[in-house]
């Protein structure tokens, strides 16, 4: 009953927020997964390290671009991965 009394603009904002939240959640989750995969690759060593770190950096940048995370947080994540990679090398 309450939704009938709401303005159309508020209903639209609710739809937009729901859609945006789901998109940003997916991007944030993908970034976390990529970082985790890169960390595991660094720990194991081998040829996949370079590729995994590059992929993680790309995913972090995309998440920042979409607004799923702050751009400085993405840059900090990239920096920490690179540092970890260089320590292992």
Protein backbone atom coordinates (compact mmCIF):
# COMPACT_ATOMS: atom_id res chain seq x y z
CA UNK A 1 0.00 0.00 0.00
CA UNK A 2 2.86 2.36 0.80
CA UNK A 3 4.35 2.11 -2.69
CA UNK A 4 1.15 3.43 -4.27
CA UNK A 5 1.53 6.73 -2.45
CA UNK A 6 5.16 7.24 -3.44
CA UNK A 7 6.01 9.58 -6.28
CA UNK A 8 7.11 8.12 -9.58
CA UNK A 9 10.48 9.84 -9.25
CA UNK A 10 11.19 8.12 -5.94
CA UNK A 11 10.25 4.75 -7.43
CA UNK A 12 12.63 5.40 -10.31
CA UNK A 13 15.42 6.32 -7.91
CA UNK A 14 14.82 3.08 -6.03
CA UNK A 15 15.15 1.10 -9.26
CA UNK A 16 18.31 2.98 -10.22
CA UNK A 17 19.87 2.44 -6.81
CA UNK A 18 19.11 -1.26 -6.87
CA UNK A 19 20.62 -1.67 -10.34
CA UNK A 20 23.69 0.43 -9.52
CA UNK A 21 24.28 -1.44 -6.26
CA UNK A 22 24.22 -4.82 -7.98
CA UNK A 23 26.61 -3.66 -10.73
CA UNK A 24 29.06 -2.18 -8.22
CA UNK A 25 28.87 -5.27 -6.02
CA UNK A 26 29.82 -7.47 -8.97
CA UNK A 27 32.75 -5.21 -9.88
CA UNK A 28 34.00 -5.08 -6.28
CA UNK A 29 33.75 -8.84 -5.95
CA UNK A 30 35.64 -9.38 -9.20
CA UNK A 31 38.40 -7.07 -7.98
CA UNK A 32 38.75 -8.95 -4.70
CA UNK A 33 38.86 -12.29 -6.52
CA UNK A 34 41.50 -11.06 -8.97
CA UNK A 35 43.70 -9.76 -6.15
CA UNK A 36 43.35 -13.03 -4.26
CA UNK A 37 44.27 -15.02 -7.39
CA UNK A 38 47.29 -12.78 -8.00
CA UNK A 39 48.48 -13.19 -4.40
CA UNK A 40 48.22 -16.96 -4.68
CA UNK A 41 50.14 -16.88 -7.97
CA UNK A 42 52.87 -14.77 -6.36
CA UNK A 43 53.16 -17.19 -3.45
CA UNK A 44 53.40 -20.20 -5.77
CA UNK A 45 55.72 -18.51 -8.25
CA UNK A 46 56.10 -19.60 -11.84
CA UNK A 47 55.17 -18.08 -15.16
CA UNK A 48 51.57 -17.16 -14.29
CA UNK A 49 52.62 -14.44 -11.83
CA UNK A 50 53.09 -11.65 -14.38
CA UNK A 51 49.81 -12.45 -16.08
CA UNK A 52 47.84 -12.68 -12.83
CA UNK A 53 49.18 -9.38 -11.51
CA UNK A 54 48.42 -7.62 -14.80
CA UNK A 55 44.88 -9.01 -14.80
CA UNK A 56 44.34 -7.94 -11.18
CA UNK A 57 45.58 -4.42 -11.97
CA UNK A 58 43.21 -4.21 -14.90
CA UNK A 59 40.23 -5.41 -12.85
CA UNK A 60 41.07 -2.95 -10.06
CA UNK A 61 41.18 -0.09 -12.57
CA UNK A 62 37.83 -1.10 -14.05
CA UNK A 63 36.25 -1.26 -10.59
CA UNK A 64 37.55 2.24 -9.83
CA UNK A 65 36.31 3.51 -13.19
CA UNK A 66 32.81 2.20 -12.47
CA UNK A 67 32.82 3.75 -9.01
CA UNK A 68 32.75 0.41 -7.21
CA UNK A 69 35.82 1.47 -5.26
CA UNK A 70 37.77 4.68 -4.80
CA UNK A 71 40.51 5.27 -7.36
CA UNK A 72 43.14 5.70 -4.66
CA UNK A 73 42.12 2.38 -3.12
CA UNK A 74 42.56 0.72 -6.51
CA UNK A 75 45.97 2.33 -6.96
CA UNK A 76 46.99 1.27 -3.48
CA UNK A 77 45.94 -2.30 -4.28
CA UNK A 78 48.01 -2.26 -7.48
CA UNK A 79 50.99 -0.88 -5.62
CA UNK A 80 50.80 -3.52 -2.90
CA UNK A 81 50.58 -6.31 -5.47
CA UNK A 82 53.60 -4.94 -7.35
CA UNK A 83 55.57 -4.66 -4.11
CA UNK A 84 54.71 -8.21 -3.15
CA UNK A 85 55.67 -9.43 -6.61
CA UNK A 86 59.03 -7.64 -6.51
CA UNK A 87 59.83 -9.03 -3.06
CA UNK A 88 59.28 -12.56 -4.33
CA UNK A 89 61.27 -12.04 -7.53
